[in-house]
Structures are given as C-alpha cells and as structure tokens.
Amino acid sequence: MLYLYFWLCQLISIVSASGYARFFDNDSQGNDDDLLRDLLVNSDNIASWEPIFANITAGGLDYYEFSINKNASGQGFAPSYEVLIFMSGNICQYPLYLPNDTATMEKNIAANITKDIQLAMLYSFNESMASNTSMAMHQLFDNGYVESLAVSPIDTDYLGMDLGESPIYNTTLKYPNLYVMIQLYNTTTGKPLEVNSRTKDLVWNYRLGISESDLIYQWDERSWLEVLDTDNNSALLMSGNVTSDSVDSKTNYTVYDPSLYDVYIYTEKEYNYLYEAQLSHSICAIKHGNYLTTSAVENITSHDLEETHLRVQKYVAASNNGMSEFFYVTGLNASTTYVSILVKKVGQSGNLTDVGGILFDTEEFTTKKDDTCTLIHGLDFCQGITYSVPSSSLAGGNKTLLAQTYEYIATGLYNNFTQALQLIPCDNELDARYSPLRTCDDCAQSYKNWLCTVTIPRCTTEESEYYIKRKKEESRNSFINSYVNPLRDYFEVLPCIDMCYHIVRDCPSDFGFSCPSGNSNSALLLNSYNYYIEDSDIPTCNMLYNN
C-alpha cells in the first residue's frame, strides 16, 4: 500500500506537469554547457522553510539547488522509503498588479502588456536540466500560485544486527539534490520570454518555498469564513471550527493561538484589481495589496462594541461549529460592499511563522444603509446572538447599552422559567423521569435558545417575502416597545420554527409547549416563525449564530 501511494503521487505529479508541457519548447535552450556551468556556479541554495524572495524579468532565469535531507523521511506514510519534497510559490506583484502604482498598473492593463506571458517553475533531480529542459517537470503559476510534489527514493541496505539485536541499515538518497528554475515564458511561441521593447521593463516579483514536511504556500478553495451580519458601520465574521487547532500535540492541552488566523478586508474595487490580474490564489499578493484593514497588524483580541475606528478585533468563542474565531470589523461605510479573506499561518514542527501560509477563498458582505439596525454580539447570557437588532431611540447609539438592555429582558424571563423547571423531577431514577432520552439540562438549553431568539429579534433594512415589517411601536413583544423603543420601522427576520420544535421535544409536557402548525394555523406560523431554506441567498429565518 505504501508503494502504491507514492507511485500515485509520482503519477499525479507527472500528469500535472505534462498537462502544461505544450507551452514549452524542450530544446529552446539547446545544449549549452557554458550555460549549465554558469548556473551551477551562480545558483542559490534554498533551504527548507526559508523561501526565496526574488524579481525576474524577460530573458532572466533563476536557478536554485535544494539539498535533500534523508532524515526527513518517516513523516507520514513512508518511514524509510522516500522523502517528499513540497514546492510552492506565489506571484506577489507584476505589471498588471502594482498596488503602489495604480496609474502605471491601469496603463499596463489597458495595453494588455503581459499578453501571452506566464511565469513557470521547472524542476528535476538532474542538474543538466538547465541545458535540456525536456528532463524537467514544468508547472505554470495559476492565479498567482504554483505547487508541486517531488519524491526522492531512499536506498536501504541491510548491514546486520547490533549488540542489542536491532537491525542496522545503511541508507542513501537516490537523488541528493533537487534543482528548480523559475523563468518567464511566451505561451504563444513556447519559448522563454525574450527581451524587446514591450518586455524590457516588465518585472515579476515572486516567492518560492521548498519543504520536506508541508507546502509553505497553500490555496484552499473553501472560504472557511462566514458573514454573520452587518449594520451600517460594522460586520461580524466567523471562522470554521478551530478546535483541532487548539490542541498541543505534545501535552494534549487546549492552547489556542489567536494569531493563527487573520482576516484581510478589501474594498470591492481594490479586490477586483487583484482578481482581474489573476492573483486571487496568492497569499503574498493579498498580504501586500491595498487592503483596507486587517487583524494581522494590531492583533486586537477583544470585542469592544463601542469601537468606531477602522480595524479588526478578534476573539475565540463557542459556536454551532464547536469553537470558532470571530472577527469584528469596525469603521466601515454604509451601503458599501467589501471582500473578506481569511489566511492561516503554517509552520514547521508546530512553530508558526509569518512566512507563507494558507489562503482561503473570499466572502463578500455589504453594510446596511442606515442605523435602523445595530450589530451586537459577545453577550454573557445569550452568547449565540451574533446579529443586528432593532436600534434603540433611548440608547443614544451606545451599542453596549443596547446589548445589555436586550439581555436584561431575556434573563428576566428565563429566571421565571428556571423556577418552574425546579418542580420537575430531574434527578429521579431513569424510569421515573419525564423522558428516558432528554434531561432537564436539555430542556433548559433549548428554552434558553428559543427565548433569546424570540426576545431579541433579528433586524434588517432589506425587504423580502420571508420577513415581517414591524412598525417601530409594534415590535414582537411589549418589552421591546417599552425598554428598547426602536428608532424606526424595520424588517424582522423571524426565528426558525425549529427553535420551537426543540423545546417541545426536550421539555416536559407539563409545560404545555406547542408550536403553530402550517396545516391548521399557517397565518400564526408565518407571523411568528419561518422555515429554513438551505439554498437561499438570504437568511430565511433566524437561529443562534445564524446557522
């Protein structure tokens, strides 16, 4: 099975490279022994987890030598047969993406100055590939990103037994070095890019990293980021489950590093420059582009609702995913579309580094048009409230005070319920309990979840067939009318009917909980709750953590 796995790896690498081979003339460099000698003398050694930062122009050829460490075997599937060499790279800037020189960039775009030009990575275990590229694997940078895998077999000779009767082996690498070239190619002619009046001043800035344990630069087609909600000047984003990132492999303790993930926020216009330049898979381009703000600069671990400056706060909390990292973006403009991009650090032997990393796909969001709704989160009791609520005419724009007001309403009603729940025989023998499958703790949690969503309504300024329009003096309940006194009319995203179903399922029948039926009382149902529609572009109903 081990040999089958590595044979497949080699096959995939060969097939991927051969898929691009048509762009290259294998004899384009001839058999120039002087060129080979000069390259070997002037080549740069590239070390594991120490990426190369370089520029390249037409007619240039960058040549690198990587010394393979045979002791790197034993990581993963093959403890003694092969060493895996992971190659990856990014284009950071090139003539169609110059974030510090927009005028020149737009001029280059208009002239389509890089037509038929692409950056390529060539690699081989044979140092002669510089004079004969037919023996090299070829990989073009795609959307600013390139990756590939090379496998160096290890020859193992049995020498006998030591005094402790353990076998002794002599191991040697079949290929001690990997050679890598970076070069610009003309995809029309299939030859290296020549210097002429059009190409002489064009510069590509790139990164190249090699490792025997992981890809230094990575692209993940998932966004791994969810937009929970926005108001007119802020947005709340949530990562996927980070529980597995929180366990130290040496101690098994839960130790989460809040610097592991960061988010970059771009305006729609600035991200479109990067996207149209086909650099959307380059973490280097994202980090060094004209982003609006990022959590990576200040690394603020908090969730201050009163923050008004342009910045990103972040914190780790429970979510429906398990544990997630939340990103609170403030200081935004109303009715504006932004692009959020999540990145993750990688490292060697558990040590994180700012070099390289994982780039996830984008998530867009648009802020609301005015302050009818206010985004609140980080509540002590209703922790799952991570959405916008009707703004208060009494709070004077104070988001913290507004959050406390809503929580005061919910906790007061919940205290009444807990007193009633104490009358239920929760701790009796199993056959004397109200349910063999549910406990009073289940009931209390479901009731709390339901209570939070019905007493703290989700607010939006968008009209939809799924939403109910509320007059500012006619909210869902009288507590909101009295204690919040909404600023103006709003649309409510109704709670999901599932929240009601859960308390009926989890709580004793003594409470008499029931839910409106779509068959017998559809009007009551659709004025109080709604159904969750998975494929909808907008939320059709509201749940905790919005999912």
Protein backbone atom coordinates (compact mmCIF):
# COMPACT_ATOMS: atom_id res chain seq x y z
CA MET A 1 0.00 0.00 0.00
CA LEU A 2 2.88 2.40 0.78
CA TYR A 3 4.48 1.85 -2.59
CA LEU A 4 1.10 2.23 -4.30
CA TYR A 5 0.56 5.58 -2.57
CA PHE A 6 3.88 7.02 -3.65
CA TRP A 7 3.54 5.65 -7.15
CA LEU A 8 0.24 7.53 -7.36
CA CYS A 9 1.91 10.69 -6.04
CA GLN A 10 4.57 10.47 -8.71
CA LEU A 11 1.99 9.77 -11.38
CA ILE A 12 -0.10 12.78 -10.35
CA SER A 13 2.99 15.00 -10.42
CA ILE A 14 3.98 13.74 -13.86
CA VAL A 15 0.47 14.04 -15.28
CA SER A 16 0.05 17.56 -13.88
CA ALA A 17 3.34 18.68 -15.35
CA SER A 18 2.78 17.07 -18.72
CA GLY A 19 -0.53 18.86 -18.94
CA TYR A 20 1.40 22.10 -19.27
CA ALA A 21 4.21 20.74 -21.46
CA ARG A 22 2.68 22.01 -24.68
CA PHE A 23 3.64 25.57 -23.66
CA PHE A 24 7.35 24.78 -23.63
CA ASP A 25 9.90 24.09 -26.35
CA ASN A 26 12.14 21.46 -24.70
CA ASP A 27 15.04 22.34 -26.97
CA SER A 28 14.61 26.06 -26.60
CA GLN A 29 17.79 26.40 -24.56
CA GLY A 30 19.85 23.92 -26.53
CA ASN A 31 22.75 22.00 -25.01
CA ASP A 32 24.77 24.92 -23.86
CA ASP A 33 27.37 23.50 -21.45
CA ASP A 34 28.60 27.00 -20.65
CA LEU A 35 25.11 27.99 -19.52
CA LEU A 36 24.90 24.93 -17.27
CA ARG A 37 28.30 25.63 -15.75
CA ASP A 38 27.45 29.27 -15.08
CA LEU A 39 24.13 28.35 -13.49
CA LEU A 40 25.71 25.81 -11.15
CA VAL A 41 28.37 28.28 -10.07
CA ASN A 42 25.89 31.12 -9.57
CA SER A 43 22.92 29.11 -8.28
CA ASP A 44 21.27 30.00 -4.99
CA ASN A 45 20.88 27.36 -2.32
CA ILE A 46 17.34 27.27 -1.00
CA ALA A 47 16.84 25.87 2.50
CA SER A 48 13.77 24.17 3.92
CA TRP A 49 11.21 26.68 5.24
CA GLU A 50 13.34 29.60 4.06
CA PRO A 51 11.57 30.91 0.94
CA ILE A 52 13.29 32.87 -1.80
CA PHE A 53 12.06 36.44 -2.45
CA ALA A 54 13.10 37.50 -5.93
CA ASN A 55 12.37 39.54 -9.05
CA ILE A 56 12.61 38.22 -12.59
CA THR A 57 12.49 39.93 -15.98
CA ALA A 58 12.38 38.89 -19.62
CA GLY A 59 15.43 36.83 -20.57
CA GLY A 60 16.16 36.01 -16.95
CA LEU A 61 16.48 32.55 -15.44
CA ASP A 62 16.64 31.92 -11.69
CA TYR A 63 18.26 28.61 -10.73
CA TYR A 64 18.04 27.06 -7.26
CA GLU A 65 19.51 23.98 -5.62
CA PHE A 66 17.79 22.23 -2.70
CA SER A 67 19.77 19.72 -0.63
CA ILE A 68 17.51 16.84 0.37
CA ASN A 69 17.67 15.61 3.95
CA LYS A 70 17.25 11.84 4.10
CA ASN A 71 16.31 12.12 7.78
CA ALA A 72 13.15 13.94 6.69
CA SER A 73 11.64 10.54 5.87
CA GLY A 74 9.42 8.98 8.48
CA GLN A 75 6.92 11.86 8.37
CA GLY A 76 3.60 10.48 7.28
CA PHE A 77 3.15 7.34 5.23
CA ALA A 78 6.70 6.17 4.46
CA PRO A 79 9.12 5.95 7.41
CA SER A 80 12.13 4.80 5.38
CA TYR A 81 11.49 4.60 1.65
CA GLU A 82 11.05 8.09 0.22
CA VAL A 83 11.43 11.75 1.01
CA LEU A 84 8.63 14.05 -0.15
CA ILE A 85 9.69 17.48 -1.36
CA PHE A 86 6.91 20.08 -1.39
CA MET A 87 7.38 23.04 -3.73
CA SER A 88 5.10 26.07 -3.75
CA GLY A 89 5.25 29.68 -4.80
CA ASN A 90 3.36 32.94 -5.23
CA ILE A 91 3.47 35.88 -7.59
CA CYS A 92 3.30 38.98 -5.38
CA GLN A 93 3.35 41.74 -7.99
CA TYR A 94 3.73 42.03 -11.73
CA PRO A 95 2.88 44.63 -14.39
CA LEU A 96 -0.89 44.03 -14.14
CA TYR A 97 -0.88 44.33 -10.35
CA LEU A 98 1.12 47.22 -8.90
CA PRO A 99 -0.78 48.26 -5.74
CA ASN A 100 1.66 51.10 -5.07
CA ASP A 101 1.47 52.48 -8.61
CA THR A 102 -2.14 52.38 -9.74
CA ALA A 103 -1.59 54.74 -12.68
CA THR A 104 1.08 52.53 -14.28
CA MET A 105 -0.94 49.41 -13.48
CA GLU A 106 -4.06 50.76 -15.21
CA LYS A 107 -1.94 51.82 -18.21
CA ASN A 108 -0.50 48.28 -18.45
CA ILE A 109 -3.95 46.73 -18.17
CA ALA A 110 -5.30 48.92 -20.96
CA ALA A 111 -2.37 47.96 -23.19
CA ASN A 112 -2.68 44.26 -22.26
CA ILE A 113 1.07 44.42 -21.91
CA THR A 114 1.52 40.91 -20.46
CA LYS A 115 -0.42 39.09 -23.17
CA ASP A 116 0.90 35.54 -23.72
CA ILE A 117 3.38 35.82 -20.84
CA GLN A 118 3.36 33.40 -17.91
CA LEU A 119 5.73 32.53 -15.11
CA ALA A 120 6.83 28.90 -14.89
CA MET A 121 8.55 26.62 -12.41
CA LEU A 122 10.75 23.81 -13.78
CA TYR A 123 12.30 21.16 -11.56
CA SER A 124 14.32 17.96 -11.78
CA PHE A 125 16.72 15.79 -9.80
CA ASN A 126 19.10 16.05 -12.79
CA GLU A 127 21.31 19.12 -12.71
CA SER A 128 21.57 19.04 -16.51
CA MET A 129 18.01 20.27 -16.91
CA ALA A 130 19.32 23.83 -17.35
CA SER A 131 20.68 22.85 -20.75
CA ASN A 132 17.94 20.34 -21.61
CA THR A 133 14.54 21.20 -20.20
CA SER A 134 12.99 18.02 -21.61
CA MET A 135 14.11 16.24 -18.45
CA ALA A 136 12.36 18.76 -16.21
CA MET A 137 8.83 18.86 -14.91
CA HIS A 138 7.02 22.10 -15.82
CA GLN A 139 4.37 23.91 -13.82
CA LEU A 140 2.82 27.26 -14.67
CA PHE A 141 1.75 29.72 -11.98
CA ASP A 142 -2.06 29.69 -11.94
CA ASN A 143 -3.86 32.72 -10.46
CA GLY A 144 -0.57 33.67 -8.86
CA TYR A 145 0.03 30.25 -7.30
CA VAL A 146 2.08 27.16 -8.08
CA GLU A 147 2.57 23.91 -6.19
CA SER A 148 4.11 20.54 -6.95
CA LEU A 149 5.44 17.40 -5.30
CA ALA A 150 8.71 15.56 -5.98
CA VAL A 151 9.63 12.19 -4.47
CA SER A 152 13.23 11.16 -3.79
CA PRO A 153 13.58 7.41 -3.11
CA ILE A 154 15.85 6.17 -0.33
CA ASP A 155 18.03 3.10 -0.96
CA THR A 156 18.24 0.94 2.16
CA ASP A 157 20.93 -1.76 2.62
CA TYR A 158 20.75 -4.25 5.49
CA LEU A 159 24.12 -4.48 7.30
CA GLY A 160 23.32 -6.89 10.11
CA MET A 161 22.40 -6.74 13.80
CA ASP A 162 23.89 -4.64 16.56
CA LEU A 163 24.69 -5.92 20.07
CA GLY A 164 21.13 -5.28 21.13
CA GLU A 165 19.92 -7.43 18.24
CA SER A 166 18.44 -4.44 16.43
CA PRO A 167 18.86 -4.30 12.65
CA ILE A 168 21.44 -1.94 11.20
CA TYR A 169 20.77 -0.26 7.84
CA ASN A 170 22.78 1.95 5.56
CA THR A 171 20.51 4.47 3.86
CA THR A 172 21.43 6.65 0.90
CA LEU A 173 19.37 9.07 -1.15
CA LYS A 174 18.99 8.17 -4.80
CA TYR A 175 18.80 11.90 -5.56
CA PRO A 176 20.66 14.12 -3.06
CA ASN A 177 19.59 17.40 -4.66
CA LEU A 178 16.55 18.93 -6.33
CA TYR A 179 17.10 21.63 -8.95
CA VAL A 180 14.47 24.28 -9.59
CA MET A 181 14.31 27.00 -12.24
CA ILE A 182 11.99 29.99 -12.49
CA GLN A 183 11.56 31.59 -15.90
CA LEU A 184 9.12 33.71 -17.89
CA TYR A 185 7.67 32.04 -20.98
CA ASN A 186 5.89 33.19 -24.10
CA THR A 187 2.94 30.81 -24.27
CA THR A 188 2.41 31.51 -27.97
CA THR A 189 5.90 30.54 -29.10
CA GLY A 190 6.55 28.04 -26.31
CA LYS A 191 9.96 29.63 -25.73
CA PRO A 192 11.48 31.66 -22.92
CA LEU A 193 10.39 35.30 -22.99
CA GLU A 194 12.79 37.43 -24.99
CA VAL A 195 13.81 40.98 -24.23
CA ASN A 196 12.26 43.51 -26.61
CA SER A 197 10.73 46.95 -26.50
CA ARG A 198 7.50 45.58 -24.98
CA THR A 199 9.07 43.34 -22.33
CA LYS A 200 12.34 45.04 -21.35
CA ASP A 201 10.92 46.93 -18.36
CA LEU A 202 8.46 44.30 -17.11
CA VAL A 203 9.20 42.82 -13.66
CA TRP A 204 7.62 39.87 -11.85
CA ASN A 205 8.07 39.67 -8.07
CA TYR A 206 7.66 36.12 -6.74
CA ARG A 207 8.17 33.86 -3.73
CA LEU A 208 9.40 30.25 -3.87
CA GLY A 209 9.43 27.88 -0.90
CA ILE A 210 10.54 24.26 -0.55
CA SER A 211 9.98 21.95 2.41
CA GLU A 212 10.10 18.25 3.26
CA SER A 213 7.08 18.45 5.57
CA ASP A 214 4.38 20.68 4.03
CA LEU A 215 3.55 23.26 1.38
CA ILE A 216 4.80 26.65 2.57
CA TYR A 217 2.31 28.48 0.34
CA GLN A 218 -1.16 26.96 0.09
CA TRP A 219 -4.51 27.69 -1.57
CA ASP A 220 -7.79 26.36 -0.15
CA GLU A 221 -10.91 26.69 -2.29
CA ARG A 222 -13.13 26.89 0.82
CA SER A 223 -13.82 30.32 2.26
CA TRP A 224 -13.71 28.92 5.85
CA LEU A 225 -15.33 32.20 6.82
CA GLU A 226 -18.97 33.07 7.35
CA VAL A 227 -20.51 36.54 7.37
CA LEU A 228 -22.83 36.54 10.38
CA ASP A 229 -24.30 40.01 9.91
CA THR A 230 -23.63 43.70 9.38
CA ASP A 231 -25.04 47.05 10.37
CA ASN A 232 -24.28 50.42 8.77
CA ASN A 233 -20.69 50.65 10.06
CA SER A 234 -19.54 47.18 11.18
CA ALA A 235 -19.55 43.49 10.30
CA LEU A 236 -19.10 40.24 12.21
CA LEU A 237 -17.33 37.28 10.60
CA MET A 238 -16.83 33.76 11.96
CA SER A 239 -14.30 31.09 11.04
CA GLY A 240 -14.96 27.38 10.81
CA ASN A 241 -14.28 25.02 13.72
CA VAL A 242 -10.83 25.71 15.18
CA THR A 243 -10.99 23.05 17.90
CA SER A 244 -8.38 20.87 16.20
CA ASP A 245 -6.06 23.90 16.04
CA SER A 246 -6.27 24.30 19.81
CA VAL A 247 -4.70 21.01 20.96
CA ASP A 248 -0.98 20.89 21.63
CA SER A 249 0.25 17.56 20.25
CA LYS A 250 2.88 17.28 22.97
CA THR A 251 0.70 17.95 26.01
CA ASN A 252 -2.88 17.44 24.72
CA TYR A 253 -3.73 20.71 26.49
CA THR A 254 -6.11 23.10 24.79
CA VAL A 255 -3.92 26.08 23.93
CA TYR A 256 -5.24 28.22 21.09
CA ASP A 257 -3.00 30.80 19.46
CA PRO A 258 -5.21 33.75 18.42
CA SER A 259 -2.61 34.78 15.84
CA LEU A 260 -3.17 31.55 13.87
CA TYR A 261 -5.91 33.05 11.68
CA ASP A 262 -6.19 36.57 10.32
CA VAL A 263 -8.61 38.32 8.03
CA TYR A 264 -7.91 40.93 5.35
CA ILE A 265 -10.65 43.35 4.30
CA TYR A 266 -10.61 44.82 0.80
CA THR A 267 -12.88 47.30 -0.87
CA GLU A 268 -14.66 45.78 -3.83
CA LYS A 269 -12.71 47.98 -6.26
CA GLU A 270 -9.28 47.10 -4.87
CA TYR A 271 -10.00 43.38 -4.78
CA ASN A 272 -11.24 43.49 -8.37
CA TYR A 273 -7.81 44.82 -9.42
CA LEU A 274 -6.20 41.80 -7.80
CA TYR A 275 -8.77 39.34 -9.15
CA GLU A 276 -8.62 40.62 -12.74
CA ALA A 277 -4.83 40.41 -12.57
CA GLN A 278 -5.31 36.67 -11.82
CA LEU A 279 -3.58 36.77 -8.44
CA SER A 280 -6.55 35.63 -6.35
CA HIS A 281 -4.72 32.48 -5.18
CA SER A 282 -1.60 34.30 -3.99
CA ILE A 283 -1.37 34.88 -0.25
CA CYS A 284 1.61 37.12 -0.91
CA ALA A 285 -0.46 39.39 -3.19
CA ILE A 286 -3.27 39.50 -0.62
CA LYS A 287 -0.95 40.42 2.24
CA HIS A 288 0.90 43.09 0.27
CA GLY A 289 -2.03 44.52 -1.66
CA ASN A 290 -4.09 47.64 -0.99
CA TYR A 291 -6.27 46.08 1.68
CA LEU A 292 -8.44 48.35 3.78
CA THR A 293 -7.70 46.82 7.18
CA THR A 294 -6.56 43.55 8.71
CA SER A 295 -6.43 41.79 12.07
CA ALA A 296 -2.77 40.91 11.41
CA VAL A 297 -1.41 44.40 12.19
CA GLU A 298 -2.64 45.13 15.71
CA ASN A 299 -3.79 41.60 16.67
CA ILE A 300 -6.51 43.01 18.96
CA THR A 301 -8.16 40.20 20.93
CA SER A 302 -11.37 41.83 22.17
CA HIS A 303 -14.89 42.70 21.08
CA ASP A 304 -15.47 46.30 22.11
CA LEU A 305 -18.87 47.29 20.70
CA GLU A 306 -18.02 50.97 21.14
CA GLU A 307 -15.06 50.84 18.74
CA THR A 308 -15.59 53.19 15.79
CA HIS A 309 -12.14 53.27 14.16
CA LEU A 310 -11.30 51.23 11.06
CA ARG A 311 -9.85 48.00 12.49
CA VAL A 312 -10.48 44.31 13.10
CA GLN A 313 -10.91 42.90 16.59
CA LYS A 314 -10.93 39.14 17.08
CA TYR A 315 -11.79 36.64 19.79
CA VAL A 316 -12.41 32.92 20.22
CA ALA A 317 -15.80 31.68 21.46
CA ALA A 318 -18.23 28.78 21.24
CA SER A 319 -20.28 28.48 18.07
CA ASN A 320 -22.51 25.99 16.32
CA ASN A 321 -19.31 24.74 14.67
CA GLY A 322 -17.73 23.96 18.06
CA MET A 323 -15.15 26.68 18.70
CA SER A 324 -14.65 29.48 16.20
CA GLU A 325 -12.65 32.66 15.85
CA PHE A 326 -14.79 35.76 15.44
CA PHE A 327 -13.65 38.89 13.57
CA TYR A 328 -15.38 42.17 14.36
CA VAL A 329 -14.73 44.77 11.64
CA THR A 330 -15.50 48.39 12.53
CA GLY A 331 -15.23 51.84 10.96
CA LEU A 332 -16.92 50.81 7.70
CA ASN A 333 -19.08 52.92 5.38
CA ALA A 334 -22.83 52.41 4.96
CA SER A 335 -24.25 50.70 1.85
CA THR A 336 -20.78 49.52 0.80
CA THR A 337 -19.63 46.11 -0.41
CA TYR A 338 -16.40 44.66 0.98
CA VAL A 339 -14.39 41.48 0.37
CA SER A 340 -13.09 39.49 3.34
CA ILE A 341 -10.26 36.97 3.00
CA LEU A 342 -9.12 34.53 5.69
CA VAL A 343 -5.49 33.39 5.97
CA LYS A 344 -3.90 30.83 8.27
CA LYS A 345 -0.31 30.54 9.41
CA VAL A 346 1.65 27.35 8.87
CA GLY A 347 4.91 26.24 10.39
CA GLN A 348 7.46 23.56 10.99
CA SER A 349 7.08 21.22 13.97
CA GLY A 350 4.20 23.28 15.36
CA ASN A 351 6.13 26.57 15.29
CA LEU A 352 4.08 29.18 13.45
CA THR A 353 5.74 31.52 11.01
CA ASP A 354 4.71 34.66 9.15
CA VAL A 355 6.29 33.20 6.01
CA GLY A 356 3.82 31.60 3.62
CA GLY A 357 0.51 30.29 4.93
CA ILE A 358 -2.88 29.10 3.74
CA LEU A 359 -5.11 31.39 1.70
CA PHE A 360 -8.85 30.68 1.71
CA ASP A 361 -11.45 31.81 -0.80
CA THR A 362 -13.26 35.11 -0.35
CA GLU A 363 -16.53 36.14 1.30
CA GLU A 364 -18.32 39.35 0.34
CA PHE A 365 -20.58 41.42 2.57
CA THR A 366 -22.49 44.66 2.25
CA THR A 367 -23.17 47.06 5.11
CA LYS A 368 -26.70 48.32 5.81
CA LYS A 369 -27.90 51.66 4.54
CA ASP A 370 -28.58 53.38 7.90
CA ASP A 371 -28.64 52.89 11.69
CA THR A 372 -32.09 51.29 11.83
CA CYS A 373 -30.36 48.08 12.97
CA THR A 374 -27.39 47.66 15.33
CA LEU A 375 -24.97 44.71 15.30
CA ILE A 376 -24.45 43.18 18.76
CA HIS A 377 -22.51 40.11 19.92
CA GLY A 378 -20.42 38.81 22.81
CA LEU A 379 -23.39 38.73 25.22
CA ASP A 380 -22.94 36.93 28.54
CA PHE A 381 -26.30 35.11 28.66
CA CYS A 382 -27.42 34.89 25.02
CA GLN A 383 -23.98 34.02 23.65
CA GLY A 384 -25.40 32.97 20.29
CA ILE A 385 -26.77 36.42 19.47
CA THR A 386 -24.42 37.47 16.68
CA TYR A 387 -26.65 39.63 14.51
CA SER A 388 -28.22 43.05 14.12
CA VAL A 389 -31.18 44.02 16.30
CA PRO A 390 -33.60 46.98 16.21
CA SER A 391 -31.73 50.12 17.30
CA SER A 392 -32.98 51.97 20.33
CA SER A 393 -34.15 55.57 20.44
CA LEU A 394 -33.21 55.53 24.14
CA ALA A 395 -29.59 54.29 23.92
CA GLY A 396 -28.15 57.23 22.02
CA GLY A 397 -26.17 54.99 19.66
CA ASN A 398 -24.48 53.14 22.54
CA LYS A 399 -24.21 49.54 21.29
CA THR A 400 -23.08 48.18 24.66
CA LEU A 401 -26.09 49.67 26.44
CA LEU A 402 -28.39 48.30 23.75
CA ALA A 403 -26.94 44.79 24.13
CA GLN A 404 -27.36 44.99 27.91
CA THR A 405 -30.99 46.06 27.51
CA TYR A 406 -31.88 43.09 25.35
CA GLU A 407 -30.03 40.72 27.69
CA TYR A 408 -31.88 42.20 30.68
CA ILE A 409 -35.20 41.31 29.03
CA ALA A 410 -34.10 37.74 28.21
CA THR A 411 -32.57 36.93 31.60
CA GLY A 412 -35.62 38.23 33.47
CA LEU A 413 -37.94 35.93 31.53
CA TYR A 414 -35.53 32.99 31.86
CA ASN A 415 -35.39 33.30 35.66
CA ASN A 416 -39.14 32.75 35.80
CA PHE A 417 -38.77 29.59 33.72
CA THR A 418 -35.97 28.11 35.86
CA GLN A 419 -38.15 28.39 38.96
CA ALA A 420 -40.83 26.33 37.23
CA LEU A 421 -38.26 23.80 35.99
CA GLN A 422 -37.14 23.15 39.58
CA LEU A 423 -40.52 21.50 40.20
CA ILE A 424 -39.76 18.80 37.59
CA PRO A 425 -38.26 15.50 38.93
CA CYS A 426 -34.97 15.82 37.03
CA ASP A 427 -32.80 13.72 39.32
CA ASN A 428 -35.09 10.73 39.79
CA GLU A 429 -34.29 7.23 38.58
CA LEU A 430 -34.36 6.90 34.81
CA ASP A 431 -37.75 5.20 34.71
CA ALA A 432 -39.28 7.98 36.84
CA ARG A 433 -38.07 10.87 34.70
CA TYR A 434 -40.25 12.68 32.18
CA SER A 435 -38.13 11.25 29.33
CA PRO A 436 -35.57 8.46 29.02
CA LEU A 437 -33.86 10.44 26.24
CA ARG A 438 -33.96 14.04 27.43
CA THR A 439 -32.92 15.73 30.66
CA CYS A 440 -33.82 18.98 32.36
CA ASP A 441 -30.50 20.36 31.15
CA ASP A 442 -31.61 19.68 27.57
CA CYS A 443 -34.89 21.44 28.25
CA ALA A 444 -33.19 24.43 29.87
CA GLN A 445 -30.78 24.85 26.94
CA SER A 446 -33.48 24.58 24.27
CA TYR A 447 -35.71 27.01 26.13
CA LYS A 448 -32.83 29.45 26.53
CA ASN A 449 -32.01 29.27 22.82
CA TRP A 450 -35.65 29.80 21.88
CA LEU A 451 -36.10 32.62 24.39
CA CYS A 452 -33.05 34.52 23.15
CA THR A 453 -34.21 34.43 19.52
CA VAL A 454 -37.81 35.50 20.25
CA THR A 455 -36.96 38.25 22.73
CA ILE A 456 -34.00 39.60 20.73
CA PRO A 457 -35.34 39.94 17.16
CA ARG A 458 -33.04 39.99 14.18
CA CYS A 459 -33.33 43.25 12.27
CA THR A 460 -32.70 44.10 8.63
CA THR A 461 -33.43 47.00 6.32
CA GLU A 462 -33.98 44.69 3.34
CA GLU A 463 -37.47 43.76 2.23
CA SER A 464 -38.22 40.11 1.47
CA GLU A 465 -41.16 37.75 1.27
CA TYR A 466 -39.62 35.91 4.22
CA TYR A 467 -39.50 38.96 6.52
CA ILE A 468 -42.14 40.75 8.56
CA LYS A 469 -42.30 44.53 8.54
CA ARG A 470 -42.55 45.90 12.08
CA LYS A 471 -43.76 49.35 12.98
CA LYS A 472 -41.40 50.86 15.50
CA GLU A 473 -44.17 50.88 18.12
CA GLU A 474 -45.40 47.38 17.24
CA SER A 475 -42.50 45.01 17.82
CA ARG A 476 -42.71 41.30 18.54
CA ASN A 477 -43.37 41.89 22.25
CA SER A 478 -44.20 44.74 24.60
CA PHE A 479 -40.80 44.54 26.34
CA ILE A 480 -39.10 45.76 23.16
CA ASN A 481 -41.64 48.55 22.75
CA SER A 482 -41.07 49.73 26.33
CA TYR A 483 -37.36 49.14 27.04
CA VAL A 484 -35.86 49.47 23.54
CA ASN A 485 -38.35 51.77 21.78
CA PRO A 486 -36.99 51.09 18.26
CA LEU A 487 -35.55 54.03 16.36
CA ARG A 488 -37.69 53.49 13.27
CA ASP A 489 -39.67 50.84 11.39
CA TYR A 490 -37.70 47.71 10.43
CA PHE A 491 -37.98 44.26 8.91
CA GLU A 492 -37.68 41.26 11.23
CA VAL A 493 -36.00 38.00 10.22
CA LEU A 494 -38.34 35.62 12.06
CA PRO A 495 -36.99 32.82 14.28
CA CYS A 496 -36.72 29.40 12.66
CA ILE A 497 -39.61 27.11 13.57
CA ASP A 498 -37.01 24.51 14.55
CA MET A 499 -36.29 26.54 17.71
CA CYS A 500 -39.89 25.94 18.80
CA TYR A 501 -39.79 22.26 17.83
CA HIS A 502 -36.74 21.78 20.05
CA ILE A 503 -38.40 22.96 23.25
CA VAL A 504 -41.45 20.76 22.57
CA ARG A 505 -39.10 17.82 22.03
CA ASP A 506 -36.80 18.47 25.00
CA CYS A 507 -39.13 19.77 27.73
CA PRO A 508 -41.74 18.02 29.92
CA SER A 509 -45.28 18.01 28.58
CA ASP A 510 -46.31 19.63 31.89
CA PHE A 511 -45.27 22.97 30.44
CA GLY A 512 -47.77 22.64 27.62
CA PHE A 513 -45.39 23.92 24.95
CA SER A 514 -46.73 23.71 21.40
CA CYS A 515 -45.83 25.16 18.01
CA PRO A 516 -48.11 26.61 15.35
CA SER A 517 -48.84 24.22 12.52
CA GLY A 518 -48.53 25.04 8.85
CA ASN A 519 -51.64 22.96 8.18
CA SER A 520 -54.04 24.15 10.87
CA ASN A 521 -52.75 27.66 11.58
CA SER A 522 -50.39 28.78 8.82
CA ALA A 523 -51.13 32.50 9.43
CA LEU A 524 -49.93 32.25 13.05
CA LEU A 525 -46.89 30.24 11.97
CA LEU A 526 -45.75 32.69 9.31
CA ASN A 527 -46.28 35.69 11.57
CA SER A 528 -44.21 34.16 14.36
CA TYR A 529 -41.68 31.84 12.70
CA ASN A 530 -40.38 30.82 9.32
CA TYR A 531 -38.73 27.83 7.69
CA TYR A 532 -35.04 27.46 6.99
CA ILE A 533 -34.29 27.22 3.25
CA GLU A 534 -30.77 25.97 2.71
CA ASP A 535 -30.19 27.19 -0.84
CA SER A 536 -31.49 30.71 -0.29
CA ASP A 537 -29.15 33.66 -0.95
CA ILE A 538 -30.51 35.42 2.14
CA PRO A 539 -31.36 34.06 5.60
CA THR A 540 -35.00 32.94 5.52
CA CYS A 541 -35.21 32.59 9.31
CA ASN A 542 -33.05 33.27 12.34
CA MET A 543 -31.14 30.91 14.64
CA LEU A 544 -28.33 31.35 17.13
CA TYR A 545 -25.01 32.02 15.39
CA ASN A 546 -27.20 32.45 12.29
CA ASN A 547 -26.89 28.76 11.34
